Amino acid sequence: MEKYECVCGYVYDPADGDPDNGVEPGTSFADLPEEWVCPLCGASQDNFEKLD
């Protein structure tokens, strides 16, 4: 699964998820809840770019 980086530098890694914010490990970026935002800066998902 692909990793995505926020404009602030936070990288969402599906292997890790975001358990502190209710996202289980193994959750792809496309399957994140609509209300999920960057845990560091609060940016919405449209401020993330896929890492190559």
PDB file of N, CA and C in Angstrom:
ATOM      1  N   MET A   1       0.847  -1.190   0.000  1.00  0.00           N
ATOM      2  CA  MET A   1       0.000   0.000   0.000  1.00  0.00           C
ATOM      3  C   MET A   1       0.887   1.246   0.000  1.00  0.00           C
ATOM      4  N   GLU A   2       0.391   2.282  -0.661  1.00  0.00           N
ATOM      5  CA  GLU A   2       1.187   3.484  -0.826  1.00  0.00           C
ATOM      6  C   GLU A   2       1.124   4.388   0.398  1.00  0.00           C
ATOM      7  N   LYS A   3       2.235   5.082   0.625  1.00  0.00           N
ATOM      8  CA  LYS A   3       2.320   6.070   1.688  1.00  0.00           C
ATOM      9  C   LYS A   3       1.955   7.433   1.109  1.00  0.00           C
ATOM     10  N   TYR A   4       1.405   8.289   1.960  1.00  0.00           N
ATOM     11  CA  TYR A   4       1.024   9.640   1.556  1.00  0.00           C
ATOM     12  C   TYR A   4       1.627  10.631   2.531  1.00  0.00           C
ATOM     13  N   GLU A   5       2.113  11.766   1.978  1.00  0.00           N
ATOM     14  CA  GLU A   5       2.751  12.785   2.806  1.00  0.00           C
ATOM     15  C   GLU A   5       1.917  14.053   2.848  1.00  0.00           C
ATOM     16  N   CYS A   6       1.764  14.589   4.047  1.00  0.00           N
ATOM     17  CA  CYS A   6       1.054  15.855   4.254  1.00  0.00           C
ATOM     18  C   CYS A   6       1.986  17.018   3.918  1.00  0.00           C
ATOM     19  N   VAL A   7       1.398  18.177   3.680  1.00  0.00           N
ATOM     20  CA  VAL A   7       2.196  19.375   3.417  1.00  0.00           C
ATOM     21  C   VAL A   7       3.123  19.703   4.594  1.00  0.00           C
ATOM     22  N   CYS A   8       2.786  19.237   5.802  1.00  0.00           N
ATOM     23  CA  CYS A   8       3.613  19.525   6.982  1.00  0.00           C
ATOM     24  C   CYS A   8       4.761  18.530   7.144  1.00  0.00           C
ATOM     25  N   GLY A   9       4.766  17.476   6.329  1.00  0.00           N
ATOM     26  CA  GLY A   9       5.832  16.490   6.413  1.00  0.00           C
ATOM     27  C   GLY A   9       5.418  15.175   7.053  1.00  0.00           C
ATOM     28  N   TYR A  10       4.237  15.117   7.682  1.00  0.00           N
ATOM     29  CA  TYR A  10       3.741  13.862   8.262  1.00  0.00           C
ATOM     30  C   TYR A  10       3.491  12.863   7.142  1.00  0.00           C
ATOM     31  N   VAL A  11       3.927  11.617   7.343  1.00  0.00           N
ATOM     32  CA  VAL A  11       3.711  10.570   6.351  1.00  0.00           C
ATOM     33  C   VAL A  11       2.719   9.562   6.916  1.00  0.00           C
ATOM     34  N   TYR A  12       1.605   9.377   6.191  1.00  0.00           N
ATOM     35  CA  TYR A  12       0.652   8.336   6.564  1.00  0.00           C
ATOM     36  C   TYR A  12       1.122   7.031   5.941  1.00  0.00           C
ATOM     37  N   ASP A  13       1.408   6.052   6.803  1.00  0.00           N
ATOM     38  CA  ASP A  13       1.845   4.731   6.362  1.00  0.00           C
ATOM     39  C   ASP A  13       0.728   3.742   6.694  1.00  0.00           C
ATOM     40  N   PRO A  14       0.106   3.149   5.672  1.00  0.00           N
ATOM     41  CA  PRO A  14      -0.992   2.210   5.923  1.00  0.00           C
ATOM     42  C   PRO A  14      -0.596   1.043   6.824  1.00  0.00           C
ATOM     43  N   ALA A  15       0.663   0.643   6.799  1.00  0.00           N
ATOM     44  CA  ALA A  15       1.109  -0.460   7.650  1.00  0.00           C
ATOM     45  C   ALA A  15       0.978  -0.101   9.132  1.00  0.00           C
ATOM     46  N   ASP A  16       1.135   1.192   9.441  1.00  0.00           N
ATOM     47  CA  ASP A  16       1.034   1.665  10.826  1.00  0.00           C
ATOM     48  C   ASP A  16      -0.362   2.150  11.176  1.00  0.00           C
ATOM     49  N   GLY A  17      -1.084   2.671  10.193  1.00  0.00           N
ATOM     50  CA  GLY A  17      -2.379   3.293  10.478  1.00  0.00           C
ATOM     51  C   GLY A  17      -2.190   4.522  11.345  1.00  0.00           C
ATOM     52  N   ASP A  18      -3.225   4.853  12.097  1.00  0.00           N
ATOM     53  CA  ASP A  18      -3.168   5.967  13.053  1.00  0.00           C
ATOM     54  C   ASP A  18      -4.042   5.581  14.248  1.00  0.00           C
ATOM     55  N   PRO A  19      -3.580   4.576  15.019  1.00  0.00           N
ATOM     56  CA  PRO A  19      -4.406   4.038  16.104  1.00  0.00           C
ATOM     57  C   PRO A  19      -4.865   5.079  17.125  1.00  0.00           C
ATOM     58  N   ASP A  20      -4.039   6.109  17.343  1.00  0.00           N
ATOM     59  CA  ASP A  20      -4.419   7.151  18.307  1.00  0.00           C
ATOM     60  C   ASP A  20      -5.653   7.911  17.860  1.00  0.00           C
ATOM     61  N   ASN A  21      -5.948   7.846  16.552  1.00  0.00           N
ATOM     62  CA  ASN A  21      -7.109   8.553  16.010  1.00  0.00           C
ATOM     63  C   ASN A  21      -8.111   7.592  15.368  1.00  0.00           C
ATOM     64  N   GLY A  22      -8.091   6.336  15.809  1.00  0.00           N
ATOM     65  CA  GLY A  22      -9.110   5.385  15.403  1.00  0.00           C
ATOM     66  C   GLY A  22      -8.901   4.707  14.064  1.00  0.00           C
ATOM     67  N   VAL A  23      -7.687   4.782  13.513  1.00  0.00           N
ATOM     68  CA  VAL A  23      -7.412   4.151  12.219  1.00  0.00           C
ATOM     69  C   VAL A  23      -6.518   2.936  12.453  1.00  0.00           C
ATOM     70  N   GLU A  24      -7.047   1.773  12.193  1.00  0.00           N
ATOM     71  CA  GLU A  24      -6.322   0.527  12.428  1.00  0.00           C
ATOM     72  C   GLU A  24      -5.176   0.345  11.430  1.00  0.00           C
ATOM     73  N   PRO A  25      -4.082  -0.302  11.846  1.00  0.00           N
ATOM     74  CA  PRO A  25      -3.024  -0.666  10.899  1.00  0.00           C
ATOM     75  C   PRO A  25      -3.608  -1.488   9.755  1.00  0.00           C
ATOM     76  N   GLY A  26      -3.088  -1.254   8.551  1.00  0.00           N
ATOM     77  CA  GLY A  26      -3.598  -1.952   7.377  1.00  0.00           C
ATOM     78  C   GLY A  26      -4.668  -1.179   6.627  1.00  0.00           C
ATOM     79  N   THR A  27      -5.017   0.018   7.104  1.00  0.00           N
ATOM     80  CA  THR A  27      -6.029   0.851   6.444  1.00  0.00           C
ATOM     81  C   THR A  27      -5.373   1.679   5.351  1.00  0.00           C
ATOM     82  N   SER A  28      -5.794   1.470   4.102  1.00  0.00           N
ATOM     83  CA  SER A  28      -5.222   2.246   3.002  1.00  0.00           C
ATOM     84  C   SER A  28      -5.677   3.702   3.096  1.00  0.00           C
ATOM     85  N   PHE A  29      -4.921   4.579   2.455  1.00  0.00           N
ATOM     86  CA  PHE A  29      -5.273   6.002   2.467  1.00  0.00           C
ATOM     87  C   PHE A  29      -6.668   6.217   1.905  1.00  0.00           C
ATOM     88  N   ALA A  30      -7.007   5.475   0.847  1.00  0.00           N
ATOM     89  CA  ALA A  30      -8.318   5.611   0.211  1.00  0.00           C
ATOM     90  C   ALA A  30      -9.454   5.197   1.133  1.00  0.00           C
ATOM     91  N   ASP A  31      -9.154   4.356   2.122  1.00  0.00           N
ATOM     92  CA  ASP A  31     -10.182   3.865   3.040  1.00  0.00           C
ATOM     93  C   ASP A  31     -10.247   4.629   4.356  1.00  0.00           C
ATOM     94  N   LEU A  32      -9.472   5.709   4.472  1.00  0.00           N
ATOM     95  CA  LEU A  32      -9.524   6.508   5.703  1.00  0.00           C
ATOM     96  C   LEU A  32     -10.918   7.111   5.866  1.00  0.00           C
ATOM     97  N   PRO A  33     -11.379   7.244   7.105  1.00  0.00           N
ATOM     98  CA  PRO A  33     -12.670   7.912   7.325  1.00  0.00           C
ATOM     99  C   PRO A  33     -12.631   9.335   6.765  1.00  0.00           C
ATOM    100  N   GLU A  34     -13.753   9.786   6.244  1.00  0.00           N
ATOM    101  CA  GLU A  34     -13.826  11.113   5.628  1.00  0.00           C
ATOM    102  C   GLU A  34     -13.388  12.221   6.577  1.00  0.00           C
ATOM    103  N   GLU A  35     -13.654  12.045   7.870  1.00  0.00           N
ATOM    104  CA  GLU A  35     -13.350  13.094   8.854  1.00  0.00           C
ATOM    105  C   GLU A  35     -11.900  13.055   9.341  1.00  0.00           C
ATOM    106  N   TRP A  36     -11.118  12.049   8.910  1.00  0.00           N
ATOM    107  CA  TRP A  36      -9.731  11.947   9.358  1.00  0.00           C
ATOM    108  C   TRP A  36      -8.911  13.097   8.794  1.00  0.00           C
ATOM    109  N   VAL A  37      -8.099  13.702   9.666  1.00  0.00           N
ATOM    110  CA  VAL A  37      -7.200  14.788   9.266  1.00  0.00           C
ATOM    111  C   VAL A  37      -5.791  14.466   9.765  1.00  0.00           C
ATOM    112  N   CYS A  38      -4.814  15.182   9.268  1.00  0.00           N
ATOM    113  CA  CYS A  38      -3.430  14.990   9.690  1.00  0.00           C
ATOM    114  C   CYS A  38      -3.332  15.139  11.208  1.00  0.00           C
ATOM    115  N   PRO A  39      -2.752  14.151  11.884  1.00  0.00           N
ATOM    116  CA  PRO A  39      -2.652  14.235  13.343  1.00  0.00           C
ATOM    117  C   PRO A  39      -1.649  15.277  13.832  1.00  0.00           C
ATOM    118  N   LEU A  40      -0.790  15.772  12.951  1.00  0.00           N
ATOM    119  CA  LEU A  40       0.180  16.785  13.374  1.00  0.00           C
ATOM    120  C   LEU A  40      -0.328  18.202  13.180  1.00  0.00           C
ATOM    121  N   CYS A  41      -0.911  18.476  11.996  1.00  0.00           N
ATOM    122  CA  CYS A  41      -1.280  19.867  11.704  1.00  0.00           C
ATOM    123  C   CYS A  41      -2.777  20.072  11.456  1.00  0.00           C
ATOM    124  N   GLY A  42      -3.547  18.979  11.356  1.00  0.00           N
ATOM    125  CA  GLY A  42      -4.988  19.108  11.158  1.00  0.00           C
ATOM    126  C   GLY A  42      -5.408  19.338   9.717  1.00  0.00           C
ATOM    127  N   ALA A  43      -4.469  19.184   8.774  1.00  0.00           N
ATOM    128  CA  ALA A  43      -4.803  19.388   7.360  1.00  0.00           C
ATOM    129  C   ALA A  43      -5.727  18.271   6.871  1.00  0.00           C
ATOM    130  N   SER A  44      -6.587  18.612   5.945  1.00  0.00           N
ATOM    131  CA  SER A  44      -7.504  17.619   5.387  1.00  0.00           C
ATOM    132  C   SER A  44      -6.763  16.694   4.428  1.00  0.00           C
ATOM    133  N   GLN A  45      -7.402  15.593   4.066  1.00  0.00           N
ATOM    134  CA  GLN A  45      -6.771  14.573   3.235  1.00  0.00           C
ATOM    135  C   GLN A  45      -6.361  15.097   1.857  1.00  0.00           C
ATOM    136  N   ASP A  46      -7.018  16.133   1.373  1.00  0.00           N
ATOM    137  CA  ASP A  46      -6.653  16.658   0.043  1.00  0.00           C
ATOM    138  C   ASP A  46      -5.335  17.440   0.076  1.00  0.00           C
ATOM    139  N   ASN A  47      -4.735  17.588   1.271  1.00  0.00           N
ATOM    140  CA  ASN A  47      -3.427  18.222   1.383  1.00  0.00           C
ATOM    141  C   ASN A  47      -2.292  17.203   1.428  1.00  0.00           C
ATOM    142  N   PHE A  48      -2.611  15.941   1.130  1.00  0.00           N
ATOM    143  CA  PHE A  48      -1.627  14.865   1.098  1.00  0.00           C
ATOM    144  C   PHE A  48      -1.310  14.521  -0.345  1.00  0.00           C
ATOM    145  N   GLU A  49      -0.055  14.104  -0.575  1.00  0.00           N
ATOM    146  CA  GLU A  49       0.361  13.652  -1.897  1.00  0.00           C
ATOM    147  C   GLU A  49       0.973  12.268  -1.773  1.00  0.00           C
ATOM    148  N   LYS A  50       0.721  11.433  -2.768  1.00  0.00           N
ATOM    149  CA  LYS A  50       1.264  10.077  -2.760  1.00  0.00           C
ATOM    150  C   LYS A  50       2.771  10.133  -2.943  1.00  0.00           C
ATOM    151  N   LEU A  51       3.472   9.344  -2.124  1.00  0.00           N
ATOM    152  CA  LEU A  51       4.930   9.239  -2.252  1.00  0.00           C
ATOM    153  C   LEU A  51       5.269   8.197  -3.303  1.00  0.00           C
ATOM    154  N   ASP A  52       6.316   8.464  -4.071  1.00  0.00           N
ATOM    155  CA  ASP A  52       6.752   7.514  -5.100  1.00  0.00           C
ATOM    156  C   ASP A  52       7.589   6.402  -4.497  1.00  0.00           C
TER     157      ASP A  52
END
